[in-house]
Amino acid sequence: MPHPPIRLVAGLGNPGRQHARDRHNVGFWLVSRLADAHRAQLVKDAKYHGLTARLTHAGKAGGDVWLVQPQTFMNLSGKSVGGLARFYRISPEEILVVHDELDFAPGVAKLKLGGGVAGHNGLKDIAATMGSQNFWRLRIGIGHPGDRNLVGDYVLSSPSPADRKLIDEAIDRGLDCLPLIMAGNGEAATLKLHTKGA
């Protein structure tokens, strides 16, 4: 069954040069690549507490798509995403959030609509701000340090060159599937991504 086209793609991360290479910034990496592919420039937008860009007719359905990289730090991502969504009357089902996923190995990328937020502070804040968990997520695997006490330092450090290569390949596959989900064909996008990523 078709769902509404995506009107907002939010890549999660932490602002500042010191965080640019952190595993936690995978969402920023993908959204930057998406903006570049459409020759769009992400510019500072104080109103929405983030860097934003507008892609005109990016989806097959013909509507504009907003890109945002919240500049609030991860645990306040909802301030940026929720503000943009409210102003442009974008429903949760029209939002795709791109984020790092500890439970997946580097190189794995998966799509899902709704579900829990699994302790991810960025997702938690977006769900609380939107009053709904029913938004799309593109989860990019970064691997797990093996000890929950090490997670904080792990997500705020750079992946090894080998892991970065795998993460970049997962981002490539995610970008490859975005036209389908942006056009409202989430099932086909999911099938394409999960088949190629198998």
N, C-alpha and C. Protein backbone atom coordinates (compact mmCIF):
# COMPACT_ATOMS: atom_id res chain seq x y z
N MET A 1 0.85 -1.19 0.00
CA MET A 1 0.00 0.00 0.00
C MET A 1 0.89 1.25 0.00
N PRO A 2 0.66 2.19 -0.91
CA PRO A 2 1.51 3.38 -0.96
C PRO A 2 1.35 4.25 0.30
N HIS A 3 2.37 4.94 0.66
CA HIS A 3 2.30 5.87 1.79
C HIS A 3 2.57 7.26 1.23
N PRO A 4 2.37 8.31 2.03
CA PRO A 4 2.62 9.66 1.50
C PRO A 4 4.09 9.84 1.10
N PRO A 5 4.35 10.64 0.08
CA PRO A 5 5.75 10.93 -0.27
C PRO A 5 6.49 11.58 0.91
N ILE A 6 7.79 11.39 0.95
CA ILE A 6 8.61 12.02 1.99
C ILE A 6 8.78 13.50 1.67
N ARG A 7 8.54 14.34 2.68
CA ARG A 7 8.69 15.79 2.49
C ARG A 7 9.81 16.38 3.33
N LEU A 8 10.36 15.56 4.25
CA LEU A 8 11.43 16.04 5.10
C LEU A 8 12.41 14.90 5.38
N VAL A 9 13.68 15.12 5.05
CA VAL A 9 14.73 14.15 5.37
C VAL A 9 15.63 14.80 6.41
N ALA A 10 15.68 14.20 7.60
CA ALA A 10 16.49 14.72 8.70
C ALA A 10 17.67 13.79 8.95
N GLY A 11 18.87 14.31 8.82
CA GLY A 11 20.07 13.54 9.14
C GLY A 11 20.54 13.93 10.52
N LEU A 12 20.71 12.96 11.41
CA LEU A 12 21.07 13.28 12.79
C LEU A 12 22.59 13.27 13.01
N GLY A 13 23.03 14.12 13.93
CA GLY A 13 24.44 14.21 14.26
C GLY A 13 24.64 15.31 15.29
N ASN A 14 25.89 15.62 15.55
CA ASN A 14 26.24 16.72 16.45
C ASN A 14 26.99 17.79 15.66
N PRO A 15 26.70 19.07 15.93
CA PRO A 15 27.35 20.14 15.18
C PRO A 15 28.80 20.35 15.62
N GLY A 16 29.55 21.04 14.79
CA GLY A 16 30.92 21.41 15.14
C GLY A 16 31.95 20.52 14.46
N ARG A 17 33.08 21.14 14.12
CA ARG A 17 34.14 20.44 13.41
C ARG A 17 34.66 19.25 14.21
N GLN A 18 34.66 19.36 15.54
CA GLN A 18 35.22 18.28 16.37
C GLN A 18 34.38 17.00 16.29
N HIS A 19 33.13 17.11 15.84
CA HIS A 19 32.26 15.93 15.73
C HIS A 19 32.09 15.44 14.29
N ALA A 20 32.67 16.15 13.34
CA ALA A 20 32.40 15.88 11.92
C ALA A 20 32.66 14.44 11.50
N ARG A 21 33.64 13.77 12.13
CA ARG A 21 33.99 12.42 11.73
C ARG A 21 33.47 11.35 12.70
N ASP A 22 32.68 11.77 13.69
CA ASP A 22 32.13 10.82 14.68
C ASP A 22 31.15 9.84 14.04
N ARG A 23 31.14 8.62 14.56
CA ARG A 23 30.15 7.63 14.11
C ARG A 23 28.72 8.16 14.27
N HIS A 24 28.50 8.94 15.33
CA HIS A 24 27.16 9.47 15.63
C HIS A 24 26.65 10.40 14.52
N ASN A 25 27.55 10.83 13.62
CA ASN A 25 27.19 11.82 12.60
C ASN A 25 26.86 11.21 11.25
N VAL A 26 26.61 9.92 11.23
CA VAL A 26 26.27 9.22 9.98
C VAL A 26 25.10 9.90 9.25
N GLY A 27 24.10 10.34 9.99
CA GLY A 27 22.95 11.01 9.38
C GLY A 27 23.36 12.28 8.65
N PHE A 28 24.28 13.06 9.26
CA PHE A 28 24.82 14.26 8.61
C PHE A 28 25.52 13.88 7.31
N TRP A 29 26.30 12.79 7.35
CA TRP A 29 27.07 12.39 6.17
C TRP A 29 26.14 12.11 4.99
N LEU A 30 25.05 11.37 5.26
CA LEU A 30 24.14 11.03 4.16
C LEU A 30 23.43 12.27 3.62
N VAL A 31 22.94 13.11 4.52
CA VAL A 31 22.20 14.30 4.06
C VAL A 31 23.12 15.25 3.29
N SER A 32 24.38 15.36 3.70
CA SER A 32 25.33 16.19 2.94
C SER A 32 25.50 15.64 1.52
N ARG A 33 25.62 14.33 1.41
CA ARG A 33 25.77 13.68 0.10
C ARG A 33 24.51 13.89 -0.75
N LEU A 34 23.34 13.81 -0.12
CA LEU A 34 22.07 14.00 -0.83
C LEU A 34 21.97 15.43 -1.36
N ALA A 35 22.34 16.39 -0.52
CA ALA A 35 22.32 17.81 -0.94
C ALA A 35 23.27 18.01 -2.12
N ASP A 36 24.47 17.45 -2.01
CA ASP A 36 25.45 17.59 -3.10
C ASP A 36 24.92 17.01 -4.41
N ALA A 37 24.26 15.85 -4.32
CA ALA A 37 23.73 15.18 -5.52
C ALA A 37 22.70 16.05 -6.22
N HIS A 38 21.99 16.87 -5.45
CA HIS A 38 20.95 17.74 -6.03
C HIS A 38 21.44 19.17 -6.21
N ARG A 39 22.78 19.36 -6.00
CA ARG A 39 23.38 20.70 -6.10
C ARG A 39 22.66 21.71 -5.20
N ALA A 40 22.26 21.23 -4.03
CA ALA A 40 21.58 22.10 -3.05
C ALA A 40 22.57 22.43 -1.94
N GLN A 41 22.48 23.64 -1.41
CA GLN A 41 23.39 24.04 -0.35
C GLN A 41 22.66 24.07 0.98
N LEU A 42 23.23 23.37 1.97
CA LEU A 42 22.68 23.40 3.33
C LEU A 42 23.12 24.70 3.98
N VAL A 43 22.15 25.53 4.37
CA VAL A 43 22.49 26.83 4.96
C VAL A 43 21.89 26.95 6.36
N LYS A 44 22.55 27.75 7.17
CA LYS A 44 22.11 27.92 8.56
C LYS A 44 20.74 28.58 8.60
N ASP A 45 19.84 27.99 9.35
CA ASP A 45 18.48 28.51 9.48
C ASP A 45 18.14 28.57 10.96
N ALA A 46 18.31 29.75 11.55
CA ALA A 46 18.12 29.92 12.99
C ALA A 46 16.70 29.56 13.43
N LYS A 47 15.73 29.81 12.55
CA LYS A 47 14.33 29.54 12.88
C LYS A 47 14.10 28.06 13.19
N TYR A 48 14.83 27.20 12.47
CA TYR A 48 14.65 25.75 12.67
C TYR A 48 15.87 25.11 13.34
N HIS A 49 16.74 25.92 13.92
CA HIS A 49 17.87 25.40 14.70
C HIS A 49 18.68 24.36 13.93
N GLY A 50 18.90 24.63 12.65
CA GLY A 50 19.64 23.64 11.86
C GLY A 50 20.15 24.20 10.54
N LEU A 51 20.82 23.33 9.80
CA LEU A 51 21.20 23.62 8.42
C LEU A 51 20.12 23.02 7.54
N THR A 52 19.54 23.81 6.65
CA THR A 52 18.44 23.32 5.82
C THR A 52 18.72 23.56 4.33
N ALA A 53 18.07 22.75 3.53
CA ALA A 53 18.09 22.93 2.07
C ALA A 53 16.73 22.45 1.55
N ARG A 54 16.33 23.01 0.43
CA ARG A 54 15.05 22.63 -0.16
C ARG A 54 15.30 22.04 -1.53
N LEU A 55 14.86 20.80 -1.72
CA LEU A 55 14.98 20.15 -3.02
C LEU A 55 13.64 20.31 -3.74
N THR A 56 13.66 20.95 -4.88
CA THR A 56 12.42 21.16 -5.63
C THR A 56 12.14 19.96 -6.52
N HIS A 57 10.94 19.44 -6.41
CA HIS A 57 10.50 18.28 -7.21
C HIS A 57 11.47 17.10 -7.08
N ALA A 58 11.93 16.85 -5.87
CA ALA A 58 12.88 15.75 -5.66
C ALA A 58 12.19 14.40 -5.74
N GLY A 59 10.94 14.35 -5.27
CA GLY A 59 10.19 13.10 -5.31
C GLY A 59 9.40 13.01 -6.60
N LYS A 60 9.07 11.77 -7.00
CA LYS A 60 8.32 11.59 -8.25
C LYS A 60 6.92 12.21 -8.14
N ALA A 61 6.46 12.36 -6.89
CA ALA A 61 5.13 12.94 -6.71
C ALA A 61 5.14 14.44 -6.99
N GLY A 62 6.33 15.01 -7.18
CA GLY A 62 6.41 16.40 -7.62
C GLY A 62 6.51 17.44 -6.54
N GLY A 63 6.46 17.04 -5.26
CA GLY A 63 6.53 18.02 -4.19
C GLY A 63 7.95 18.34 -3.79
N ASP A 64 8.12 19.45 -3.08
CA ASP A 64 9.43 19.82 -2.56
C ASP A 64 9.78 18.94 -1.36
N VAL A 65 11.06 18.74 -1.16
CA VAL A 65 11.56 17.96 -0.02
C VAL A 65 12.55 18.82 0.75
N TRP A 66 12.35 18.92 2.05
CA TRP A 66 13.28 19.65 2.91
C TRP A 66 14.34 18.71 3.44
N LEU A 67 15.57 19.20 3.50
CA LEU A 67 16.66 18.49 4.17
C LEU A 67 17.03 19.29 5.41
N VAL A 68 17.34 18.59 6.50
CA VAL A 68 17.78 19.31 7.69
C VAL A 68 18.84 18.50 8.43
N GLN A 69 19.84 19.23 8.91
CA GLN A 69 20.83 18.71 9.85
C GLN A 69 20.67 19.55 11.12
N PRO A 70 19.98 19.00 12.15
CA PRO A 70 19.80 19.78 13.38
C PRO A 70 21.14 20.20 13.97
N GLN A 71 21.20 21.44 14.43
CA GLN A 71 22.45 21.96 15.04
C GLN A 71 22.27 22.13 16.55
N THR A 72 21.40 21.32 17.13
CA THR A 72 21.04 21.44 18.54
C THR A 72 21.79 20.47 19.43
N PHE A 73 22.60 19.61 18.86
CA PHE A 73 23.15 18.42 19.48
C PHE A 73 22.07 17.34 19.48
N MET A 74 22.55 16.10 19.44
CA MET A 74 21.69 14.93 19.17
C MET A 74 20.45 14.86 20.05
N ASN A 75 20.61 15.05 21.37
CA ASN A 75 19.47 14.80 22.27
C ASN A 75 18.39 15.87 22.22
N LEU A 76 18.58 16.91 21.38
CA LEU A 76 17.54 17.92 21.19
C LEU A 76 17.12 18.01 19.72
N SER A 77 17.32 16.93 18.98
CA SER A 77 17.02 16.92 17.53
C SER A 77 15.57 17.30 17.22
N GLY A 78 14.65 16.99 18.13
CA GLY A 78 13.23 17.25 17.90
C GLY A 78 12.91 18.73 17.76
N LYS A 79 13.73 19.57 18.39
CA LYS A 79 13.50 21.02 18.32
C LYS A 79 13.56 21.49 16.87
N SER A 80 14.53 20.96 16.14
CA SER A 80 14.74 21.32 14.74
C SER A 80 13.73 20.62 13.83
N VAL A 81 13.65 19.29 13.95
CA VAL A 81 12.76 18.50 13.09
C VAL A 81 11.30 18.86 13.34
N GLY A 82 10.93 18.97 14.61
CA GLY A 82 9.54 19.30 14.95
C GLY A 82 9.15 20.70 14.49
N GLY A 83 10.07 21.65 14.63
CA GLY A 83 9.79 23.03 14.21
C GLY A 83 9.51 23.12 12.72
N LEU A 84 10.34 22.47 11.93
CA LEU A 84 10.17 22.46 10.47
C LEU A 84 8.87 21.76 10.09
N ALA A 85 8.62 20.61 10.72
CA ALA A 85 7.42 19.82 10.40
C ALA A 85 6.15 20.59 10.74
N ARG A 86 6.15 21.27 11.88
CA ARG A 86 4.96 22.03 12.26
C ARG A 86 4.70 23.17 11.29
N PHE A 87 5.75 23.92 10.95
CA PHE A 87 5.57 25.09 10.09
C PHE A 87 5.05 24.70 8.71
N TYR A 88 5.57 23.61 8.15
CA TYR A 88 5.17 23.20 6.80
C TYR A 88 4.09 22.13 6.80
N ARG A 89 3.51 21.88 7.98
CA ARG A 89 2.43 20.89 8.14
C ARG A 89 2.83 19.53 7.54
N ILE A 90 3.99 19.06 7.96
CA ILE A 90 4.50 17.76 7.52
C ILE A 90 4.17 16.73 8.60
N SER A 91 3.49 15.67 8.22
CA SER A 91 3.08 14.65 9.18
C SER A 91 4.25 13.70 9.47
N PRO A 92 4.21 12.97 10.59
CA PRO A 92 5.30 12.03 10.90
C PRO A 92 5.59 11.05 9.77
N GLU A 93 4.52 10.56 9.08
CA GLU A 93 4.69 9.58 8.00
C GLU A 93 5.39 10.16 6.78
N GLU A 94 5.54 11.50 6.74
CA GLU A 94 6.21 12.18 5.61
C GLU A 94 7.66 12.55 5.96
N ILE A 95 8.14 12.01 7.09
CA ILE A 95 9.50 12.32 7.56
C ILE A 95 10.37 11.07 7.51
N LEU A 96 11.58 11.24 7.01
CA LEU A 96 12.60 10.19 7.04
C LEU A 96 13.75 10.69 7.90
N VAL A 97 14.06 9.95 8.96
CA VAL A 97 15.17 10.29 9.85
C VAL A 97 16.32 9.32 9.58
N VAL A 98 17.48 9.86 9.28
CA VAL A 98 18.66 9.04 9.00
C VAL A 98 19.56 9.08 10.23
N HIS A 99 19.91 7.90 10.77
CA HIS A 99 20.70 7.89 12.01
C HIS A 99 21.60 6.67 12.10
N ASP A 100 22.56 6.75 13.01
CA ASP A 100 23.47 5.65 13.29
C ASP A 100 22.74 4.56 14.07
N GLU A 101 23.16 3.31 13.85
CA GLU A 101 22.51 2.17 14.51
C GLU A 101 23.57 1.24 15.10
N LEU A 102 23.65 1.22 16.44
CA LEU A 102 24.63 0.40 17.15
C LEU A 102 24.40 -1.10 16.94
N ASP A 103 23.14 -1.49 16.76
CA ASP A 103 22.82 -2.92 16.67
C ASP A 103 23.14 -3.54 15.32
N PHE A 104 23.53 -2.72 14.34
CA PHE A 104 23.90 -3.23 13.01
C PHE A 104 25.40 -3.06 12.80
N ALA A 105 25.99 -4.05 12.15
CA ALA A 105 27.42 -3.95 11.80
C ALA A 105 27.63 -2.87 10.75
N PRO A 106 28.82 -2.29 10.69
CA PRO A 106 29.12 -1.35 9.60
C PRO A 106 28.87 -2.04 8.25
N GLY A 107 28.23 -1.31 7.34
CA GLY A 107 27.91 -1.88 6.04
C GLY A 107 26.44 -2.26 5.91
N VAL A 108 25.73 -2.31 7.05
CA VAL A 108 24.30 -2.66 7.03
C VAL A 108 23.47 -1.38 7.04
N ALA A 109 22.44 -1.34 6.19
CA ALA A 109 21.49 -0.22 6.16
C ALA A 109 20.09 -0.80 6.07
N LYS A 110 19.18 -0.33 6.90
CA LYS A 110 17.80 -0.83 6.88
C LYS A 110 16.81 0.31 7.05
N LEU A 111 15.66 0.13 6.41
CA LEU A 111 14.56 1.09 6.50
C LEU A 111 13.45 0.52 7.36
N LYS A 112 12.81 1.38 8.12
CA LYS A 112 11.58 0.93 8.77
C LYS A 112 10.70 2.13 9.08
N LEU A 113 9.40 1.86 9.20
CA LEU A 113 8.43 2.89 9.55
C LEU A 113 7.97 2.63 10.97
N GLY A 114 8.13 3.64 11.83
CA GLY A 114 7.65 3.53 13.20
C GLY A 114 8.46 2.56 14.04
N GLY A 115 7.85 2.14 15.15
CA GLY A 115 8.53 1.25 16.08
C GLY A 115 9.18 2.04 17.20
N GLY A 116 9.86 1.30 18.08
CA GLY A 116 10.50 1.93 19.23
C GLY A 116 11.70 2.77 18.83
N VAL A 117 12.24 3.49 19.82
CA VAL A 117 13.39 4.36 19.54
C VAL A 117 14.69 3.76 20.08
N ALA A 118 14.59 2.60 20.73
CA ALA A 118 15.75 1.78 21.14
C ALA A 118 16.86 2.57 21.83
N GLY A 119 16.48 3.50 22.69
CA GLY A 119 17.49 4.22 23.46
C GLY A 119 18.28 5.26 22.69
N HIS A 120 17.90 5.51 21.42
CA HIS A 120 18.62 6.52 20.63
C HIS A 120 18.07 7.90 21.00
N ASN A 121 18.92 8.75 21.60
CA ASN A 121 18.44 10.03 22.13
C ASN A 121 17.87 10.96 21.08
N GLY A 122 18.42 10.92 19.86
CA GLY A 122 17.89 11.76 18.79
C GLY A 122 16.47 11.35 18.41
N LEU A 123 16.27 10.05 18.23
CA LEU A 123 14.93 9.53 17.88
C LEU A 123 13.94 9.80 19.02
N LYS A 124 14.42 9.62 20.25
CA LYS A 124 13.57 9.81 21.42
C LYS A 124 13.02 11.23 21.46
N ASP A 125 13.89 12.20 21.18
CA ASP A 125 13.48 13.60 21.24
C ASP A 125 12.54 13.96 20.09
N ILE A 126 12.80 13.40 18.91
CA ILE A 126 11.91 13.65 17.76
C ILE A 126 10.52 13.06 18.05
N ALA A 127 10.49 11.83 18.56
CA ALA A 127 9.20 11.19 18.87
C ALA A 127 8.44 11.99 19.93
N ALA A 128 9.14 12.49 20.94
CA ALA A 128 8.50 13.27 22.00
C ALA A 128 7.96 14.59 21.46
N THR A 129 8.74 15.24 20.61
CA THR A 129 8.34 16.54 20.04
C THR A 129 7.17 16.39 19.07
N MET A 130 7.23 15.32 18.25
CA MET A 130 6.16 15.10 17.26
C MET A 130 4.92 14.46 17.88
N GLY A 131 5.08 13.88 19.06
CA GLY A 131 3.97 13.16 19.68
C GLY A 131 3.65 11.88 18.94
N SER A 132 4.64 11.34 18.23
CA SER A 132 4.44 10.12 17.43
C SER A 132 5.79 9.48 17.12
N GLN A 133 5.78 8.13 17.08
CA GLN A 133 6.98 7.40 16.65
C GLN A 133 6.82 6.91 15.21
N ASN A 134 5.72 7.33 14.57
CA ASN A 134 5.37 6.78 13.25
C ASN A 134 6.04 7.54 12.10
N PHE A 135 7.37 7.70 12.20
CA PHE A 135 8.13 8.30 11.10
C PHE A 135 9.09 7.24 10.56
N TRP A 136 9.55 7.46 9.34
CA TRP A 136 10.47 6.52 8.71
C TRP A 136 11.87 6.71 9.29
N ARG A 137 12.61 5.59 9.38
CA ARG A 137 14.01 5.67 9.81
C ARG A 137 14.87 4.92 8.79
N LEU A 138 15.97 5.53 8.43
CA LEU A 138 17.01 4.85 7.64
C LEU A 138 18.16 4.66 8.62
N ARG A 139 18.37 3.40 9.00
CA ARG A 139 19.34 3.07 10.05
C ARG A 139 20.64 2.58 9.41
N ILE A 140 21.70 3.29 9.68
CA ILE A 140 23.02 2.97 9.12
C ILE A 140 23.88 2.34 10.23
N GLY A 141 24.28 1.10 10.02
CA GLY A 141 25.04 0.38 11.04
C GLY A 141 26.42 0.98 11.30
N ILE A 142 26.76 1.09 12.60
CA ILE A 142 28.10 1.56 12.98
C ILE A 142 28.81 0.51 13.85
N GLY A 143 28.11 -0.59 14.18
CA GLY A 143 28.69 -1.60 15.05
C GLY A 143 28.59 -1.20 16.51
N HIS A 144 28.96 -2.11 17.41
CA HIS A 144 28.84 -1.91 18.85
C HIS A 144 30.20 -2.20 19.48
N PRO A 145 30.60 -1.40 20.48
CA PRO A 145 31.90 -1.64 21.10
C PRO A 145 31.97 -2.92 21.93
N GLY A 146 30.82 -3.54 22.20
CA GLY A 146 30.81 -4.79 22.94
C GLY A 146 30.52 -4.63 24.42
N ASP A 147 30.57 -3.40 24.91
CA ASP A 147 30.30 -3.11 26.32
C ASP A 147 29.47 -1.83 26.37
N ARG A 148 28.31 -1.90 26.99
CA ARG A 148 27.41 -0.73 26.99
C ARG A 148 28.06 0.48 27.66
N ASN A 149 28.99 0.25 28.59
CA ASN A 149 29.66 1.36 29.26
C ASN A 149 30.60 2.13 28.33
N LEU A 150 30.93 1.52 27.19
CA LEU A 150 31.84 2.16 26.25
C LEU A 150 31.11 2.89 25.11
N VAL A 151 29.79 2.76 25.09
CA VAL A 151 29.01 3.29 23.96
C VAL A 151 29.18 4.80 23.79
N GLY A 152 29.15 5.56 24.88
CA GLY A 152 29.26 7.02 24.79
C GLY A 152 30.52 7.47 24.05
N ASP A 153 31.65 6.92 24.45
CA ASP A 153 32.91 7.28 23.79
C ASP A 153 32.96 6.73 22.36
N TYR A 154 32.39 5.56 22.18
CA TYR A 154 32.44 4.90 20.87
C TYR A 154 31.71 5.71 19.80
N VAL A 155 30.49 6.16 20.09
CA VAL A 155 29.72 6.90 19.07
C VAL A 155 30.32 8.28 18.80
N LEU A 156 31.10 8.80 19.76
CA LEU A 156 31.72 10.11 19.59
C LEU A 156 33.17 10.00 19.14
N SER A 157 33.51 8.87 18.50
CA SER A 157 34.85 8.72 17.93
C SER A 157 34.73 8.28 16.47
N SER A 158 35.84 8.38 15.75
CA SER A 158 35.83 8.06 14.31
C SER A 158 35.91 6.55 14.09
N PRO A 159 35.22 6.04 13.07
CA PRO A 159 35.38 4.62 12.72
C PRO A 159 36.77 4.37 12.12
N SER A 160 37.21 3.14 12.16
CA SER A 160 38.46 2.78 11.50
C SER A 160 38.30 2.99 9.99
N PRO A 161 39.39 3.11 9.24
CA PRO A 161 39.25 3.27 7.78
C PRO A 161 38.43 2.14 7.14
N ALA A 162 38.61 0.91 7.62
CA ALA A 162 37.85 -0.23 7.05
C ALA A 162 36.36 -0.08 7.34
N ASP A 163 36.03 0.30 8.59
CA ASP A 163 34.62 0.50 8.95
C ASP A 163 34.02 1.69 8.21
N ARG A 164 34.81 2.76 8.04
CA ARG A 164 34.31 3.94 7.33
C ARG A 164 33.96 3.59 5.89
N LYS A 165 34.77 2.73 5.29
CA LYS A 165 34.50 2.30 3.91
C LYS A 165 33.17 1.55 3.84
N LEU A 166 32.93 0.66 4.82
CA LEU A 166 31.67 -0.10 4.87
C LEU A 166 30.48 0.83 5.12
N ILE A 167 30.67 1.80 6.02
CA ILE A 167 29.59 2.76 6.32
C ILE A 167 29.27 3.59 5.08
N ASP A 168 30.30 4.02 4.35
CA ASP A 168 30.08 4.80 3.13
C ASP A 168 29.34 3.98 2.07
N GLU A 169 29.65 2.68 2.01
CA GLU A 169 28.94 1.79 1.06
C GLU A 169 27.47 1.67 1.46
N ALA A 170 27.20 1.60 2.76
CA ALA A 170 25.81 1.54 3.24
C ALA A 170 25.07 2.84 2.91
N ILE A 171 25.78 3.97 3.05
CA ILE A 171 25.18 5.27 2.69
C ILE A 171 24.87 5.30 1.20
N ASP A 172 25.79 4.77 0.37
CA ASP A 172 25.55 4.69 -1.08
C ASP A 172 24.25 3.94 -1.37
N ARG A 173 24.08 2.79 -0.71
CA ARG A 173 22.87 1.99 -0.95
C ARG A 173 21.62 2.71 -0.46
N GLY A 174 21.77 3.42 0.66
CA GLY A 174 20.64 4.20 1.17
C GLY A 174 20.23 5.29 0.19
N LEU A 175 21.23 6.00 -0.35
CA LEU A 175 20.95 7.06 -1.33
C LEU A 175 20.29 6.50 -2.58
N ASP A 176 20.71 5.30 -2.95
CA ASP A 176 20.18 4.63 -4.14
C ASP A 176 18.68 4.34 -4.00
N CYS A 177 18.24 4.11 -2.77
CA CYS A 177 16.83 3.76 -2.52
C CYS A 177 15.96 4.98 -2.22
N LEU A 178 16.59 6.12 -1.98
CA LEU A 178 15.82 7.30 -1.57
C LEU A 178 14.78 7.76 -2.59
N PRO A 179 15.07 7.71 -3.91
CA PRO A 179 14.01 8.15 -4.84
C PRO A 179 12.71 7.38 -4.67
N LEU A 180 12.81 6.08 -4.37
CA LEU A 180 11.60 5.27 -4.18
C LEU A 180 10.82 5.71 -2.95
N ILE A 181 11.51 5.83 -1.82
CA ILE A 181 10.79 6.20 -0.59
C ILE A 181 10.29 7.64 -0.66
N MET A 182 11.07 8.53 -1.30
CA MET A 182 10.63 9.91 -1.42
C MET A 182 9.37 10.02 -2.27
N ALA A 183 9.22 9.09 -3.21
CA ALA A 183 8.04 9.09 -4.07
C ALA A 183 6.85 8.41 -3.42
N GLY A 184 7.04 7.87 -2.21
CA GLY A 184 5.93 7.23 -1.51
C GLY A 184 5.90 5.72 -1.62
N ASN A 185 6.95 5.14 -2.18
CA ASN A 185 6.98 3.68 -2.34
C ASN A 185 7.96 3.06 -1.35
N GLY A 186 7.57 3.11 -0.08
CA GLY A 186 8.42 2.61 0.98
C GLY A 186 8.70 1.12 0.90
N GLU A 187 7.68 0.35 0.46
CA GLU A 187 7.86 -1.10 0.39
C GLU A 187 8.92 -1.46 -0.64
N ALA A 188 8.85 -0.83 -1.82
CA ALA A 188 9.85 -1.10 -2.87
C ALA A 188 11.24 -0.64 -2.43
N ALA A 189 11.30 0.51 -1.74
CA ALA A 189 12.59 1.01 -1.25
C ALA A 189 13.18 0.04 -0.23
N THR A 190 12.33 -0.46 0.66
CA THR A 190 12.78 -1.41 1.69
C THR A 190 13.29 -2.69 1.05
N LEU A 191 12.53 -3.21 0.09
CA LEU A 191 12.91 -4.45 -0.59
C LEU A 191 14.24 -4.27 -1.32
N LYS A 192 14.38 -3.16 -2.02
CA LYS A 192 15.61 -2.88 -2.77
C LYS A 192 16.80 -2.78 -1.83
N LEU A 193 16.65 -2.03 -0.75
CA LEU A 193 17.74 -1.82 0.18
C LEU A 193 18.13 -3.11 0.90
N HIS A 194 17.14 -3.83 1.38
CA HIS A 194 17.43 -5.03 2.16
C HIS A 194 17.94 -6.18 1.29
N THR A 195 17.51 -6.21 0.04
CA THR A 195 18.00 -7.25 -0.88
C THR A 195 19.45 -6.96 -1.24
N LYS A 196 19.73 -5.72 -1.59
CA LYS A 196 21.10 -5.34 -1.99
C LYS A 196 22.04 -5.43 -0.79
N GLY A 197 21.48 -5.17 0.39
CA GLY A 197 22.35 -5.16 1.58
C GLY A 197 22.52 -6.52 2.20
N ALA A 198 21.89 -7.53 1.62
CA ALA A 198 21.96 -8.86 2.24
C ALA A 198 23.36 -9.44 2.13
